[in-house]
Amino acid sequence: MIVVSLDHLPLFETYMKILTIDDQLLVTFSVQRILSNRGYTVKTAADGLEGVKIFEQFQPDLVIVDYHMPRMNGVEVVEYIRITRNSNIPILIMSGSKDLTIIEKGFELGIADYLHKPVDLDKLVAAVSNLFERARIAI
């Protein structure tokens, strides 16, 4: 008989659902792989419009979104989640943009964090874990 221990994984986080929205397939693949390996359920979308459709069906606990995407940019996705859907789930923007107005607009809309691309995957995992820990404390 093989016994597998999940004691090293935080129980609260292992059932958490994450939606990653980015038009760079290498980014979504890498994010999905590393977060899935940590016990999260991860779905991906290649642009903002696809992302909001998946958001409705998947009902994630966290959204990770790029800013520069075709059809619907990251701030528009955040506006949809915050204003149209009136949801306060944690949102993390990952972007290569250094435009402070984009970052400020995201925080004005209530994003929980911002990571600059290229993102170190260990920092991403730490940021995700931190966001879920903050959400747990707020409950």
Protein backbone atom coordinates (compact mmCIF):
# COMPACT_ATOMS: atom_id res chain seq x y z
CA MET A 1 0.00 0.00 0.00
CA ILE A 2 1.25 3.49 -0.89
CA VAL A 3 0.57 6.25 1.61
CA VAL A 4 0.68 9.81 0.37
CA SER A 5 0.91 12.61 2.89
CA LEU A 6 -0.51 16.02 2.08
CA ASP A 7 0.56 17.45 5.43
CA HIS A 8 3.00 19.78 3.70
CA LEU A 9 0.15 21.46 1.77
CA PRO A 10 -2.06 24.02 3.51
CA LEU A 11 -5.53 22.44 3.49
CA PHE A 12 -7.33 25.75 2.97
CA GLU A 13 -5.43 26.47 -0.23
CA THR A 14 -5.56 23.05 -1.85
CA TYR A 15 -9.16 23.52 -2.91
CA MET A 16 -8.77 27.09 -4.12
CA LYS A 17 -9.55 27.92 -7.74
CA ILE A 18 -7.41 30.32 -9.74
CA LEU A 19 -8.15 31.89 -13.12
CA THR A 20 -5.11 33.08 -15.09
CA ILE A 21 -5.76 35.43 -18.00
CA ASP A 22 -2.83 36.19 -20.29
CA ASP A 23 -2.34 36.24 -24.07
CA GLN A 24 1.18 34.83 -23.74
CA LEU A 25 0.69 31.06 -23.78
CA LEU A 26 4.08 30.39 -22.23
CA VAL A 27 3.06 32.52 -19.24
CA THR A 28 -0.31 30.82 -18.76
CA PHE A 29 1.28 27.39 -19.18
CA SER A 30 4.01 28.15 -16.62
CA VAL A 31 1.58 29.67 -14.12
CA GLN A 32 -0.88 26.81 -14.51
CA ARG A 33 1.84 24.19 -14.08
CA ILE A 34 3.46 25.65 -10.97
CA LEU A 35 0.18 26.49 -9.21
CA SER A 36 -1.43 23.15 -10.10
CA ASN A 37 1.63 21.42 -8.64
CA ARG A 38 0.94 23.32 -5.41
CA GLY A 39 -2.59 21.90 -5.20
CA TYR A 40 -4.60 24.72 -6.75
CA THR A 41 -7.20 24.20 -9.48
CA VAL A 42 -6.17 26.49 -12.33
CA LYS A 43 -8.00 27.48 -15.51
CA THR A 44 -6.54 29.74 -18.16
CA ALA A 45 -7.83 32.21 -20.74
CA ALA A 46 -5.96 33.73 -23.68
CA ASP A 47 -7.60 37.17 -23.52
CA GLY A 48 -9.87 39.26 -21.34
CA LEU A 49 -13.09 38.44 -23.15
CA GLU A 50 -12.49 34.71 -22.81
CA GLY A 51 -11.42 35.36 -19.22
CA VAL A 52 -14.71 36.96 -18.16
CA LYS A 53 -16.65 34.08 -19.73
CA ILE A 54 -14.58 31.55 -17.79
CA PHE A 55 -14.89 33.73 -14.67
CA GLU A 56 -18.68 33.33 -14.80
CA GLN A 57 -18.56 29.54 -15.17
CA PHE A 58 -15.54 28.72 -13.00
CA GLN A 59 -16.18 31.16 -10.13
CA PRO A 60 -12.52 31.38 -9.10
CA ASP A 61 -11.19 32.36 -5.68
CA LEU A 62 -8.38 34.41 -7.27
CA VAL A 63 -7.80 36.00 -10.68
CA ILE A 64 -4.34 36.59 -12.11
CA VAL A 65 -4.53 38.86 -15.13
CA ASP A 66 -2.14 40.49 -17.58
CA TYR A 67 -2.71 44.10 -18.57
CA HIS A 68 -1.87 44.17 -22.31
CA MET A 69 -4.21 41.75 -24.11
CA PRO A 70 -6.35 41.82 -27.23
CA ARG A 71 -10.14 42.33 -27.11
CA MET A 72 -10.24 43.32 -23.42
CA ASN A 73 -7.29 44.54 -21.34
CA GLY A 74 -6.54 43.69 -17.73
CA VAL A 75 -8.03 46.84 -16.23
CA GLU A 76 -11.25 46.21 -18.17
CA VAL A 77 -11.30 42.69 -16.70
CA VAL A 78 -10.82 44.13 -13.20
CA GLU A 79 -13.65 46.65 -13.85
CA TYR A 80 -15.90 43.81 -14.99
CA ILE A 81 -15.19 41.77 -11.84
CA ARG A 82 -15.39 44.69 -9.41
CA ILE A 83 -18.17 46.81 -10.94
CA THR A 84 -20.32 44.61 -13.20
CA ARG A 85 -20.13 41.46 -11.04
CA ASN A 86 -19.66 43.33 -7.74
CA SER A 87 -17.11 40.73 -6.65
CA ASN A 88 -14.36 41.38 -4.13
CA ILE A 89 -12.23 38.30 -4.82
CA PRO A 90 -8.48 38.92 -4.83
CA ILE A 91 -7.08 40.03 -8.19
CA LEU A 92 -3.38 40.09 -9.03
CA ILE A 93 -2.16 41.95 -12.12
CA MET A 94 1.00 40.67 -13.80
CA SER A 95 2.32 42.98 -16.47
CA GLY A 96 5.47 44.10 -18.19
CA SER A 97 4.14 47.67 -18.25
CA LYS A 98 5.93 50.26 -16.16
CA ASP A 99 3.14 52.79 -16.72
CA LEU A 100 2.29 53.97 -13.22
CA THR A 101 -1.20 55.09 -14.28
CA ILE A 102 -2.07 51.48 -15.13
CA ILE A 103 -0.79 50.26 -11.78
CA GLU A 104 -2.58 53.08 -9.93
CA LYS A 105 -5.84 52.41 -11.80
CA GLY A 106 -5.62 48.74 -10.81
CA PHE A 107 -5.16 49.60 -7.13
CA GLU A 108 -7.98 52.17 -7.32
CA LEU A 109 -10.23 49.35 -8.55
CA GLY A 110 -9.12 47.18 -5.65
CA ILE A 111 -6.52 44.79 -6.99
CA ALA A 112 -4.73 42.95 -4.22
CA ASP A 113 -1.25 42.89 -5.76
CA TYR A 114 0.84 43.72 -8.81
CA LEU A 115 3.80 41.74 -10.12
CA HIS A 116 6.09 43.02 -12.85
CA LYS A 117 6.93 40.67 -15.74
CA PRO A 118 8.98 38.69 -16.20
CA VAL A 119 7.67 37.16 -13.00
CA ASP A 120 9.84 34.93 -10.86
CA LEU A 121 7.59 31.88 -10.33
CA ASP A 122 8.68 31.50 -6.70
CA LYS A 123 7.56 35.10 -6.08
CA LEU A 124 4.27 34.35 -7.79
CA VAL A 125 3.66 31.31 -5.58
CA ALA A 126 4.51 33.39 -2.50
CA ALA A 127 2.17 36.20 -3.62
CA VAL A 128 -0.70 33.75 -4.25
CA SER A 129 -0.18 32.08 -0.88
CA ASN A 130 -0.06 35.50 0.79
CA LEU A 131 -3.30 36.60 -0.90
CA PHE A 132 -5.10 33.47 0.25
CA GLU A 133 -3.71 33.91 3.77
CA ARG A 134 -4.97 37.50 3.84
CA ALA A 135 -8.38 36.33 2.61
CA ARG A 136 -8.45 33.64 5.32
CA ILE A 137 -7.70 36.21 8.03
CA ALA A 138 -10.43 38.52 6.68
CA ILE A 139 -13.10 35.79 6.92
